[in-house]
């Protein structure tokens, strides 16, 4: 695995809930938090995704699939 593995697209930070890249980082406390302007997510976790992965997250969010079964 080398530098050519990322040819499918550059990665970007996306919201783990809706796949949006419209995030802003708010520093404070021990750790800062990411805020998603699209869905309202607030948390310290974001996903480093390529465009294909971000589209899949957005598709899942847009389909209303919020019922996660254990």
Protein backbone atom coordinates (compact mmCIF):
# COMPACT_ATOMS: atom_id res chain seq x y z
CA UNK A 1 0.00 0.00 0.00
CA UNK A 2 1.47 3.28 -1.08
CA UNK A 3 0.62 6.77 -2.13
CA UNK A 4 -1.19 5.48 -5.23
CA UNK A 5 -3.88 3.87 -3.04
CA UNK A 6 -5.66 7.22 -2.80
CA UNK A 7 -6.20 7.60 -6.55
CA UNK A 8 -9.95 7.03 -6.09
CA UNK A 9 -10.15 10.52 -4.63
CA UNK A 10 -8.84 12.74 -1.94
CA UNK A 11 -10.24 12.22 1.51
CA UNK A 12 -12.11 14.91 3.36
CA UNK A 13 -13.68 15.20 6.77
CA UNK A 14 -17.40 14.49 6.67
CA UNK A 15 -20.18 14.32 9.23
CA UNK A 16 -20.71 10.72 10.44
CA UNK A 17 -24.49 11.29 10.49
CA UNK A 18 -25.29 12.91 7.14
CA UNK A 19 -22.02 12.90 5.14
CA UNK A 20 -21.89 16.69 4.81
CA UNK A 21 -18.55 18.47 4.55
CA UNK A 22 -20.12 21.62 5.99
CA UNK A 23 -18.48 21.24 9.41
CA UNK A 24 -16.86 23.71 11.71
CA UNK A 25 -14.56 23.00 14.62
CA UNK A 26 -15.09 24.65 17.96
CA UNK A 27 -12.11 24.51 20.28
CA UNK A 28 -12.63 24.35 24.00
CA UNK A 29 -12.15 22.14 27.01
CA UNK A 30 -9.85 19.15 26.71
CA UNK A 31 -11.05 18.45 23.17
CA UNK A 32 -12.91 20.56 20.69
CA UNK A 33 -16.12 19.53 19.00
CA UNK A 34 -17.21 19.41 15.39
CA UNK A 35 -20.55 20.95 14.49
CA UNK A 36 -22.41 19.99 11.30
CA UNK A 37 -24.30 22.88 9.73
CA UNK A 38 -26.52 20.49 7.74
CA UNK A 39 -27.92 18.06 10.32
CA UNK A 40 -26.90 19.64 13.62
CA UNK A 41 -24.49 16.87 14.69
CA UNK A 42 -22.16 17.88 17.52
CA UNK A 43 -19.32 15.55 18.49
CA UNK A 44 -15.63 14.84 18.47
CA UNK A 45 -15.83 12.13 15.79
CA UNK A 46 -15.74 12.82 12.05
CA UNK A 47 -15.15 10.47 9.13
CA UNK A 48 -12.21 10.81 6.73
CA UNK A 49 -13.95 9.76 3.53
CA UNK A 50 -13.47 9.95 -0.20
CA UNK A 51 -16.31 11.30 -2.37
CA UNK A 52 -17.82 7.83 -2.91
CA UNK A 53 -18.02 7.10 0.81
CA UNK A 54 -19.47 10.55 1.54
CA UNK A 55 -22.18 9.93 -1.10
CA UNK A 56 -23.07 6.61 0.54
CA UNK A 57 -23.41 8.28 3.95
CA UNK A 58 -25.59 11.05 2.43
CA UNK A 59 -27.75 8.47 0.63
CA UNK A 60 -28.30 6.55 3.88
CA UNK A 61 -29.15 9.77 5.72
CA UNK A 62 -31.51 11.02 2.99
CA UNK A 63 -33.34 7.69 2.94
CA UNK A 64 -34.30 8.28 6.56
CA UNK A 65 -32.57 5.13 7.78
CA UNK A 66 -32.22 6.20 11.39
CA UNK A 67 -33.45 2.99 13.01
CA UNK A 68 -30.31 1.06 13.96
CA UNK A 69 -30.99 -2.39 15.35
CA UNK A 70 -28.57 -4.12 17.70
